[in-house]
């Protein structure tokens, strides 16, 4: 994302390609807390680029999919701190 920010600052059209590469790496993350932190940064940059038009604005469905993933990551991050549910683990069979 750092490269995308630098390229965007110099009006380089390749900046959106860097955002797409960053998005692919972000989707591969399995840690919900890290995904949320990096996702906020990614979406903020993507939003700014989309507002300026060009390639980032051409397909809003990709940005919306990233926002939807942020919602799922937030749910997973909340679930990590809660511990196992009653339907999980060895005690679940007793219920």
PDB file of N, CA and C in Angstrom:
ATOM      1  N   UNK A   1       0.821  -1.187   0.000  1.00  0.00           N
ATOM      2  CA  UNK A   1       0.000   0.000   0.000  1.00  0.00           C
ATOM      3  C   UNK A   1       0.867   1.253   0.000  1.00  0.00           C
ATOM      4  N   UNK A   2       2.051   1.141   0.589  1.00  0.00           N
ATOM      5  CA  UNK A   2       2.938   2.306   0.613  1.00  0.00           C
ATOM      6  C   UNK A   2       3.295   2.725  -0.807  1.00  0.00           C
ATOM      7  N   UNK A   3       3.575   1.754  -1.661  1.00  0.00           N
ATOM      8  CA  UNK A   3       3.904   2.073  -3.049  1.00  0.00           C
ATOM      9  C   UNK A   3       2.708   2.717  -3.751  1.00  0.00           C
ATOM     10  N   UNK A   4       1.516   2.224  -3.486  1.00  0.00           N
ATOM     11  CA  UNK A   4       0.310   2.816  -4.088  1.00  0.00           C
ATOM     12  C   UNK A   4       0.153   4.268  -3.653  1.00  0.00           C
ATOM     13  N   UNK A   5       0.427   4.558  -2.365  1.00  0.00           N
ATOM     14  CA  UNK A   5       0.322   5.934  -1.875  1.00  0.00           C
ATOM     15  C   UNK A   5       1.328   6.846  -2.579  1.00  0.00           C
ATOM     16  N   UNK A   6       2.559   6.360  -2.731  1.00  0.00           N
ATOM     17  CA  UNK A   6       3.594   7.155  -3.395  1.00  0.00           C
ATOM     18  C   UNK A   6       3.218   7.401  -4.851  1.00  0.00           C
ATOM     19  N   UNK A   7       2.798   6.348  -5.534  1.00  0.00           N
ATOM     20  CA  UNK A   7       2.449   6.488  -6.947  1.00  0.00           C
ATOM     21  C   UNK A   7       1.225   7.374  -7.121  1.00  0.00           C
ATOM     22  N   UNK A   8       0.274   7.269  -6.206  1.00  0.00           N
ATOM     23  CA  UNK A   8      -0.920   8.120  -6.285  1.00  0.00           C
ATOM     24  C   UNK A   8      -0.537   9.578  -6.110  1.00  0.00           C
ATOM     25  N   UNK A   9       0.375   9.845  -5.193  1.00  0.00           N
ATOM     26  CA  UNK A   9       0.828  11.210  -4.950  1.00  0.00           C
ATOM     27  C   UNK A   9       1.473  11.849  -6.171  1.00  0.00           C
ATOM     28  N   UNK A  10       2.040  11.019  -7.025  1.00  0.00           N
ATOM     29  CA  UNK A  10       2.655  11.550  -8.243  1.00  0.00           C
ATOM     30  C   UNK A  10       1.747  11.359  -9.454  1.00  0.00           C
ATOM     31  N   UNK A  11       0.464  11.087  -9.200  1.00  0.00           N
ATOM     32  CA  UNK A  11      -0.540  10.887 -10.255  1.00  0.00           C
ATOM     33  C   UNK A  11      -0.191   9.752 -11.213  1.00  0.00           C
ATOM     34  N   UNK A  12       0.499   8.747 -10.723  1.00  0.00           N
ATOM     35  CA  UNK A  12       0.875   7.594 -11.533  1.00  0.00           C
ATOM     36  C   UNK A  12      -0.346   6.695 -11.713  1.00  0.00           C
ATOM     37  N   UNK A  13      -0.682   6.379 -12.949  1.00  0.00           N
ATOM     38  CA  UNK A  13      -1.854   5.545 -13.231  1.00  0.00           C
ATOM     39  C   UNK A  13      -1.680   4.118 -12.717  1.00  0.00           C
ATOM     40  N   UNK A  14      -0.451   3.694 -12.458  1.00  0.00           N
ATOM     41  CA  UNK A  14      -0.212   2.348 -11.948  1.00  0.00           C
ATOM     42  C   UNK A  14      -0.554   2.183 -10.483  1.00  0.00           C
ATOM     43  N   UNK A  15      -0.901   3.263  -9.803  1.00  0.00           N
ATOM     44  CA  UNK A  15      -1.200   3.191  -8.373  1.00  0.00           C
ATOM     45  C   UNK A  15      -2.350   2.237  -8.087  1.00  0.00           C
ATOM     46  N   UNK A  16      -3.354   2.211  -8.954  1.00  0.00           N
ATOM     47  CA  UNK A  16      -4.484   1.328  -8.688  1.00  0.00           C
ATOM     48  C   UNK A  16      -4.070  -0.136  -8.796  1.00  0.00           C
ATOM     49  N   UNK A  17      -3.136  -0.447  -9.670  1.00  0.00           N
ATOM     50  CA  UNK A  17      -2.604  -1.811  -9.739  1.00  0.00           C
ATOM     51  C   UNK A  17      -1.964  -2.213  -8.426  1.00  0.00           C
ATOM     52  N   UNK A  18      -1.279  -1.269  -7.790  1.00  0.00           N
ATOM     53  CA  UNK A  18      -0.698  -1.536  -6.479  1.00  0.00           C
ATOM     54  C   UNK A  18      -1.778  -1.747  -5.423  1.00  0.00           C
ATOM     55  N   UNK A  19      -2.868  -1.000  -5.518  1.00  0.00           N
ATOM     56  CA  UNK A  19      -3.982  -1.187  -4.588  1.00  0.00           C
ATOM     57  C   UNK A  19      -4.585  -2.580  -4.781  1.00  0.00           C
ATOM     58  N   UNK A  20      -4.721  -3.002  -6.020  1.00  0.00           N
ATOM     59  CA  UNK A  20      -5.286  -4.325  -6.284  1.00  0.00           C
ATOM     60  C   UNK A  20      -4.361  -5.429  -5.763  1.00  0.00           C
ATOM     61  N   UNK A  21      -3.056  -5.247  -5.895  1.00  0.00           N
ATOM     62  CA  UNK A  21      -2.100  -6.213  -5.340  1.00  0.00           C
ATOM     63  C   UNK A  21      -2.198  -6.248  -3.820  1.00  0.00           C
ATOM     64  N   UNK A  22      -2.307  -5.075  -3.216  1.00  0.00           N
ATOM     65  CA  UNK A  22      -2.453  -5.004  -1.761  1.00  0.00           C
ATOM     66  C   UNK A  22      -3.754  -5.667  -1.321  1.00  0.00           C
ATOM     67  N   UNK A  23      -4.818  -5.483  -2.097  1.00  0.00           N
ATOM     68  CA  UNK A  23      -6.106  -6.102  -1.764  1.00  0.00           C
ATOM     69  C   UNK A  23      -6.011  -7.622  -1.835  1.00  0.00           C
ATOM     70  N   UNK A  24      -5.291  -8.144  -2.819  1.00  0.00           N
ATOM     71  CA  UNK A  24      -5.127  -9.599  -2.928  1.00  0.00           C
ATOM     72  C   UNK A  24      -4.369 -10.142  -1.719  1.00  0.00           C
ATOM     73  N   UNK A  25      -3.318  -9.458  -1.305  1.00  0.00           N
ATOM     74  CA  UNK A  25      -2.564  -9.887  -0.127  1.00  0.00           C
ATOM     75  C   UNK A  25      -3.422  -9.778   1.131  1.00  0.00           C
ATOM     76  N   UNK A  26      -4.221  -8.731   1.215  1.00  0.00           N
ATOM     77  CA  UNK A  26      -5.094  -8.513   2.370  1.00  0.00           C
ATOM     78  C   UNK A  26      -6.135  -9.629   2.484  1.00  0.00           C
ATOM     79  N   UNK A  27      -6.682 -10.052   1.349  1.00  0.00           N
ATOM     80  CA  UNK A  27      -7.676 -11.132   1.375  1.00  0.00           C
ATOM     81  C   UNK A  27      -7.075 -12.448   1.864  1.00  0.00           C
ATOM     82  N   UNK A  28      -5.763 -12.609   1.727  1.00  0.00           N
ATOM     83  CA  UNK A  28      -5.105 -13.842   2.154  1.00  0.00           C
ATOM     84  C   UNK A  28      -4.815 -13.870   3.653  1.00  0.00           C
ATOM     85  N   UNK A  29      -4.937 -12.743   4.332  1.00  0.00           N
ATOM     86  CA  UNK A  29      -4.676 -12.693   5.771  1.00  0.00           C
ATOM     87  C   UNK A  29      -5.698 -13.532   6.524  1.00  0.00           C
ATOM     88  N   UNK A  30      -5.240 -14.229   7.544  1.00  0.00           N
ATOM     89  CA  UNK A  30      -6.140 -15.053   8.352  1.00  0.00           C
ATOM     90  C   UNK A  30      -6.386 -14.471   9.737  1.00  0.00           C
ATOM     91  N   UNK A  31      -5.579 -13.507  10.148  1.00  0.00           N
ATOM     92  CA  UNK A  31      -5.734 -12.879  11.463  1.00  0.00           C
ATOM     93  C   UNK A  31      -6.754 -11.745  11.341  1.00  0.00           C
ATOM     94  N   UNK A  32      -7.932 -11.880  11.964  1.00  0.00           N
ATOM     95  CA  UNK A  32      -8.962 -10.854  11.800  1.00  0.00           C
ATOM     96  C   UNK A  32      -8.547  -9.472  12.308  1.00  0.00           C
ATOM     97  N   UNK A  33      -7.796  -9.402  13.394  1.00  0.00           N
ATOM     98  CA  UNK A  33      -7.380  -8.094  13.920  1.00  0.00           C
ATOM     99  C   UNK A  33      -6.431  -7.396  12.945  1.00  0.00           C
ATOM    100  N   UNK A  34      -5.488  -8.136  12.402  1.00  0.00           N
ATOM    101  CA  UNK A  34      -4.568  -7.566  11.418  1.00  0.00           C
ATOM    102  C   UNK A  34      -5.320  -7.195  10.146  1.00  0.00           C
ATOM    103  N   UNK A  35      -6.243  -8.051   9.742  1.00  0.00           N
ATOM    104  CA  UNK A  35      -7.056  -7.758   8.562  1.00  0.00           C
ATOM    105  C   UNK A  35      -7.862  -6.481   8.720  1.00  0.00           C
ATOM    106  N   UNK A  36      -8.403  -6.256   9.911  1.00  0.00           N
ATOM    107  CA  UNK A  36      -9.157  -5.022  10.167  1.00  0.00           C
ATOM    108  C   UNK A  36      -8.254  -3.795  10.100  1.00  0.00           C
ATOM    109  N   UNK A  37      -7.105  -3.883  10.735  1.00  0.00           N
ATOM    110  CA  UNK A  37      -6.190  -2.738  10.751  1.00  0.00           C
ATOM    111  C   UNK A  37      -5.741  -2.375   9.339  1.00  0.00           C
ATOM    112  N   UNK A  38      -5.296  -3.358   8.591  1.00  0.00           N
ATOM    113  CA  UNK A  38      -4.830  -3.089   7.232  1.00  0.00           C
ATOM    114  C   UNK A  38      -5.993  -2.772   6.296  1.00  0.00           C
ATOM    115  N   UNK A  39      -7.134  -3.368   6.555  1.00  0.00           N
ATOM    116  CA  UNK A  39      -8.307  -3.117   5.721  1.00  0.00           C
ATOM    117  C   UNK A  39      -8.782  -1.677   5.799  1.00  0.00           C
ATOM    118  N   UNK A  40      -8.732  -1.095   6.992  1.00  0.00           N
ATOM    119  CA  UNK A  40      -9.114   0.319   7.129  1.00  0.00           C
ATOM    120  C   UNK A  40      -8.213   1.196   6.268  1.00  0.00           C
ATOM    121  N   UNK A  41      -6.928   0.910   6.316  1.00  0.00           N
ATOM    122  CA  UNK A  41      -5.960   1.678   5.529  1.00  0.00           C
ATOM    123  C   UNK A  41      -6.193   1.468   4.030  1.00  0.00           C
ATOM    124  N   UNK A  42      -6.398   0.223   3.639  1.00  0.00           N
ATOM    125  CA  UNK A  42      -6.631  -0.103   2.230  1.00  0.00           C
ATOM    126  C   UNK A  42      -7.885   0.589   1.703  1.00  0.00           C
ATOM    127  N   UNK A  43      -8.972   0.488   2.440  1.00  0.00           N
ATOM    128  CA  UNK A  43     -10.239   1.060   1.977  1.00  0.00           C
ATOM    129  C   UNK A  43     -10.179   2.586   1.947  1.00  0.00           C
ATOM    130  N   UNK A  44      -9.487   3.192   2.894  1.00  0.00           N
ATOM    131  CA  UNK A  44      -9.347   4.656   2.875  1.00  0.00           C
ATOM    132  C   UNK A  44      -8.616   5.110   1.614  1.00  0.00           C
ATOM    133  N   UNK A  45      -7.540   4.423   1.270  1.00  0.00           N
ATOM    134  CA  UNK A  45      -6.793   4.769   0.062  1.00  0.00           C
ATOM    135  C   UNK A  45      -7.632   4.507  -1.179  1.00  0.00           C
ATOM    136  N   UNK A  46      -8.302   3.367  -1.213  1.00  0.00           N
ATOM    137  CA  UNK A  46      -9.141   2.988  -2.351  1.00  0.00           C
ATOM    138  C   UNK A  46     -10.275   3.994  -2.535  1.00  0.00           C
ATOM    139  N   UNK A  47     -10.912   4.382  -1.436  1.00  0.00           N
ATOM    140  CA  UNK A  47     -11.985   5.392  -1.489  1.00  0.00           C
ATOM    141  C   UNK A  47     -11.488   6.701  -2.097  1.00  0.00           C
ATOM    142  N   UNK A  48     -10.327   7.148  -1.632  1.00  0.00           N
ATOM    143  CA  UNK A  48      -9.774   8.407  -2.138  1.00  0.00           C
ATOM    144  C   UNK A  48      -9.484   8.307  -3.631  1.00  0.00           C
ATOM    145  N   UNK A  49      -8.957   7.169  -4.048  1.00  0.00           N
ATOM    146  CA  UNK A  49      -8.656   6.990  -5.468  1.00  0.00           C
ATOM    147  C   UNK A  49      -9.940   6.906  -6.284  1.00  0.00           C
ATOM    148  N   UNK A  50     -10.952   6.235  -5.762  1.00  0.00           N
ATOM    149  CA  UNK A  50     -12.227   6.118  -6.479  1.00  0.00           C
ATOM    150  C   UNK A  50     -12.900   7.481  -6.607  1.00  0.00           C
ATOM    151  N   UNK A  51     -12.787   8.299  -5.575  1.00  0.00           N
ATOM    152  CA  UNK A  51     -13.387   9.635  -5.623  1.00  0.00           C
ATOM    153  C   UNK A  51     -12.739  10.500  -6.703  1.00  0.00           C
ATOM    154  N   UNK A  52     -11.479  10.210  -6.992  1.00  0.00           N
ATOM    155  CA  UNK A  52     -10.763  10.972  -8.016  1.00  0.00           C
ATOM    156  C   UNK A  52     -11.060  10.458  -9.423  1.00  0.00           C
ATOM    157  N   UNK A  53     -11.781   9.339  -9.513  1.00  0.00           N
ATOM    158  CA  UNK A  53     -12.115   8.777 -10.823  1.00  0.00           C
ATOM    159  C   UNK A  53     -11.060   7.796 -11.288  1.00  0.00           C
ATOM    160  N   UNK A  54     -11.048   7.515 -12.558  1.00  0.00           N
ATOM    161  CA  UNK A  54     -10.072   6.596 -13.121  1.00  0.00           C
ATOM    162  C   UNK A  54     -10.408   5.141 -12.852  1.00  0.00           C
ATOM    163  N   UNK A  55      -9.383   4.313 -12.907  1.00  0.00           N
ATOM    164  CA  UNK A  55      -9.559   2.866 -12.786  1.00  0.00           C
ATOM    165  C   UNK A  55     -10.184   2.461 -11.450  1.00  0.00           C
ATOM    166  N   UNK A  56      -9.851   3.162 -10.388  1.00  0.00           N
ATOM    167  CA  UNK A  56     -10.378   2.820  -9.062  1.00  0.00           C
ATOM    168  C   UNK A  56     -11.886   2.999  -8.981  1.00  0.00           C
ATOM    169  N   UNK A  57     -12.434   3.867  -9.815  1.00  0.00           N
ATOM    170  CA  UNK A  57     -13.876   4.131  -9.802  1.00  0.00           C
ATOM    171  C   UNK A  57     -14.630   3.285 -10.821  1.00  0.00           C
ATOM    172  N   UNK A  58     -13.907   2.580 -11.682  1.00  0.00           N
ATOM    173  CA  UNK A  58     -14.540   1.863 -12.788  1.00  0.00           C
ATOM    174  C   UNK A  58     -15.422   0.706 -12.331  1.00  0.00           C
ATOM    175  N   UNK A  59     -15.018   0.005 -11.273  1.00  0.00           N
ATOM    176  CA  UNK A  59     -15.784  -1.153 -10.812  1.00  0.00           C
ATOM    177  C   UNK A  59     -16.014  -1.046  -9.308  1.00  0.00           C
ATOM    178  N   UNK A  60     -17.079  -0.370  -8.901  1.00  0.00           N
ATOM    179  CA  UNK A  60     -17.322  -0.180  -7.465  1.00  0.00           C
ATOM    180  C   UNK A  60     -17.640  -1.480  -6.723  1.00  0.00           C
ATOM    181  N   UNK A  61     -17.975  -2.541  -7.435  1.00  0.00           N
ATOM    182  CA  UNK A  61     -18.310  -3.797  -6.760  1.00  0.00           C
ATOM    183  C   UNK A  61     -17.108  -4.373  -6.015  1.00  0.00           C
ATOM    184  N   UNK A  62     -15.912  -4.145  -6.509  1.00  0.00           N
ATOM    185  CA  UNK A  62     -14.718  -4.649  -5.819  1.00  0.00           C
ATOM    186  C   UNK A  62     -14.516  -3.935  -4.486  1.00  0.00           C
ATOM    187  N   UNK A  63     -14.720  -2.640  -4.483  1.00  0.00           N
ATOM    188  CA  UNK A  63     -14.597  -1.871  -3.246  1.00  0.00           C
ATOM    189  C   UNK A  63     -15.695  -2.274  -2.265  1.00  0.00           C
ATOM    190  N   UNK A  64     -16.893  -2.496  -2.760  1.00  0.00           N
ATOM    191  CA  UNK A  64     -17.992  -2.941  -1.893  1.00  0.00           C
ATOM    192  C   UNK A  64     -17.702  -4.321  -1.311  1.00  0.00           C
ATOM    193  N   UNK A  65     -17.094  -5.201  -2.091  1.00  0.00           N
ATOM    194  CA  UNK A  65     -16.721  -6.526  -1.590  1.00  0.00           C
ATOM    195  C   UNK A  65     -15.687  -6.396  -0.467  1.00  0.00           C
ATOM    196  N   UNK A  66     -14.768  -5.461  -0.606  1.00  0.00           N
ATOM    197  CA  UNK A  66     -13.775  -5.225   0.448  1.00  0.00           C
ATOM    198  C   UNK A  66     -14.458  -4.712   1.716  1.00  0.00           C
ATOM    199  N   UNK A  67     -15.423  -3.832   1.550  1.00  0.00           N
ATOM    200  CA  UNK A  67     -16.168  -3.335   2.722  1.00  0.00           C
ATOM    201  C   UNK A  67     -16.943  -4.471   3.398  1.00  0.00           C
ATOM    202  N   UNK A  68     -17.526  -5.347   2.608  1.00  0.00           N
ATOM    203  CA  UNK A  68     -18.260  -6.482   3.173  1.00  0.00           C
ATOM    204  C   UNK A  68     -17.309  -7.397   3.942  1.00  0.00           C
ATOM    205  N   UNK A  69     -16.111  -7.584   3.414  1.00  0.00           N
ATOM    206  CA  UNK A  69     -15.133  -8.411   4.114  1.00  0.00           C
ATOM    207  C   UNK A  69     -14.770  -7.777   5.453  1.00  0.00           C
ATOM    208  N   UNK A  70     -14.702  -6.461   5.503  1.00  0.00           N
ATOM    209  CA  UNK A  70     -14.405  -5.784   6.765  1.00  0.00           C
ATOM    210  C   UNK A  70     -15.465  -6.122   7.813  1.00  0.00           C
ATOM    211  N   UNK A  71     -16.719  -6.192   7.402  1.00  0.00           N
ATOM    212  CA  UNK A  71     -17.784  -6.573   8.329  1.00  0.00           C
ATOM    213  C   UNK A  71     -17.589  -7.984   8.853  1.00  0.00           C
ATOM    214  N   UNK A  72     -17.218  -8.895   7.962  1.00  0.00           N
ATOM    215  CA  UNK A  72     -16.979 -10.281   8.383  1.00  0.00           C
ATOM    216  C   UNK A  72     -15.767 -10.371   9.308  1.00  0.00           C
ATOM    217  N   UNK A  73     -14.728  -9.604   8.992  1.00  0.00           N
ATOM    218  CA  UNK A  73     -13.545  -9.597   9.856  1.00  0.00           C
ATOM    219  C   UNK A  73     -13.885  -9.064  11.244  1.00  0.00           C
ATOM    220  N   UNK A  74     -14.716  -8.037  11.305  1.00  0.00           N
ATOM    221  CA  UNK A  74     -15.116  -7.478  12.601  1.00  0.00           C
ATOM    222  C   UNK A  74     -15.857  -8.526  13.424  1.00  0.00           C
ATOM    223  N   UNK A  75     -16.732  -9.287  12.783  1.00  0.00           N
ATOM    224  CA  UNK A  75     -17.452 -10.354  13.489  1.00  0.00           C
ATOM    225  C   UNK A  75     -16.486 -11.410  14.002  1.00  0.00           C
ATOM    226  N   UNK A  76     -15.532 -11.799  13.162  1.00  0.00           N
ATOM    227  CA  UNK A  76     -14.546 -12.800  13.576  1.00  0.00           C
ATOM    228  C   UNK A  76     -13.679 -12.273  14.708  1.00  0.00           C
ATOM    229  N   UNK A  77     -13.287 -11.011  14.635  1.00  0.00           N
ATOM    230  CA  UNK A  77     -12.445 -10.425  15.685  1.00  0.00           C
ATOM    231  C   UNK A  77     -13.186 -10.411  17.020  1.00  0.00           C
ATOM    232  N   UNK A  78     -14.478 -10.112  16.988  1.00  0.00           N
ATOM    233  CA  UNK A  78     -15.277 -10.150  18.222  1.00  0.00           C
ATOM    234  C   UNK A  78     -15.364 -11.572  18.752  1.00  0.00           C
ATOM    235  N   UNK A  79     -15.506 -12.529  17.874  1.00  0.00           N
ATOM    236  CA  UNK A  79     -15.628 -13.925  18.273  1.00  0.00           C
ATOM    237  C   UNK A  79     -14.359 -14.488  18.872  1.00  0.00           C
ATOM    238  N   UNK A  80     -13.211 -13.989  18.462  1.00  0.00           N
ATOM    239  CA  UNK A  80     -11.935 -14.474  18.978  1.00  0.00           C
ATOM    240  C   UNK A  80     -11.826 -14.201  20.468  1.00  0.00           C
ATOM    241  N   UNK A  81     -12.282 -13.058  20.918  1.00  0.00           N
ATOM    242  CA  UNK A  81     -12.183 -12.693  22.321  1.00  0.00           C
ATOM    243  C   UNK A  81     -13.224 -13.350  23.206  1.00  0.00           C
ATOM    244  N   UNK A  82     -14.249 -13.926  22.623  1.00  0.00           N
ATOM    245  CA  UNK A  82     -15.344 -14.497  23.405  1.00  0.00           C
ATOM    246  C   UNK A  82     -15.077 -15.924  23.857  1.00  0.00           C
ATOM    247  N   UNK A  83     -14.137 -16.606  23.237  1.00  0.00           N
ATOM    248  CA  UNK A  83     -13.880 -17.987  23.588  1.00  0.00           C
ATOM    249  C   UNK A  83     -14.867 -18.916  22.905  1.00  0.00           C
ATOM    250  N   UNK A  84     -14.785 -20.211  23.193  1.00  0.00           N
ATOM    251  CA  UNK A  84     -15.668 -21.178  22.529  1.00  0.00           C
ATOM    252  C   UNK A  84     -17.125 -20.995  22.920  1.00  0.00           C
ATOM    253  N   UNK A  85     -17.981 -21.255  21.996  1.00  0.00           N
ATOM    254  CA  UNK A  85     -19.422 -21.182  22.266  1.00  0.00           C
ATOM    255  C   UNK A  85     -19.900 -22.512  22.828  1.00  0.00           C
ATOM    256  N   UNK A  86     -21.104 -22.524  23.335  1.00  0.00           N
ATOM    257  CA  UNK A  86     -21.651 -23.748  23.922  1.00  0.00           C
ATOM    258  C   UNK A  86     -21.807 -24.860  22.898  1.00  0.00           C
ATOM    259  N   UNK A  87     -21.887 -24.518  21.641  1.00  0.00           N
ATOM    260  CA  UNK A  87     -22.048 -25.537  20.607  1.00  0.00           C
ATOM    261  C   UNK A  87     -20.704 -26.065  20.130  1.00  0.00           C
ATOM    262  N   UNK A  88     -19.599 -25.585  20.740  1.00  0.00           N
ATOM    263  CA  UNK A  88     -18.267 -26.007  20.347  1.00  0.00           C
ATOM    264  C   UNK A  88     -17.561 -26.644  21.533  1.00  0.00           C
ATOM    265  N   UNK A  89     -16.618 -27.507  21.265  1.00  0.00           N
ATOM    266  CA  UNK A  89     -15.782 -28.066  22.307  1.00  0.00           C
ATOM    267  C   UNK A  89     -16.374 -29.306  22.948  1.00  0.00           C
ATOM    268  N   UNK A  90     -15.649 -29.877  23.910  1.00  0.00           N
ATOM    269  CA  UNK A  90     -16.047 -31.152  24.517  1.00  0.00           C
ATOM    270  C   UNK A  90     -17.337 -31.079  25.326  1.00  0.00           C
ATOM    271  N   UNK A  91     -17.658 -29.932  25.903  1.00  0.00           N
ATOM    272  CA  UNK A  91     -18.872 -29.822  26.715  1.00  0.00           C
ATOM    273  C   UNK A  91     -20.125 -29.717  25.859  1.00  0.00           C
ATOM    274  N   UNK A  92     -19.978 -29.459  24.584  1.00  0.00           N
ATOM    275  CA  UNK A  92     -21.136 -29.304  23.702  1.00  0.00           C
ATOM    276  C   UNK A  92     -21.934 -30.598  23.620  1.00  0.00           C
ATOM    277  N   UNK A  93     -21.268 -31.736  23.766  1.00  0.00           N
ATOM    278  CA  UNK A  93     -21.964 -33.019  23.683  1.00  0.00           C
ATOM    279  C   UNK A  93     -22.874 -33.243  24.882  1.00  0.00           C
ATOM    280  N   UNK A  94     -22.544 -32.620  26.009  1.00  0.00           N
ATOM    281  CA  UNK A  94     -23.346 -32.791  27.220  1.00  0.00           C
ATOM    282  C   UNK A  94     -24.640 -32.001  27.178  1.00  0.00           C
ATOM    283  N   UNK A  95     -24.787 -31.088  26.259  1.00  0.00           N
ATOM    284  CA  UNK A  95     -25.946 -30.200  26.248  1.00  0.00           C
ATOM    285  C   UNK A  95     -26.968 -30.650  25.283  1.00  0.00           C
TER     286      UNK A  95
END
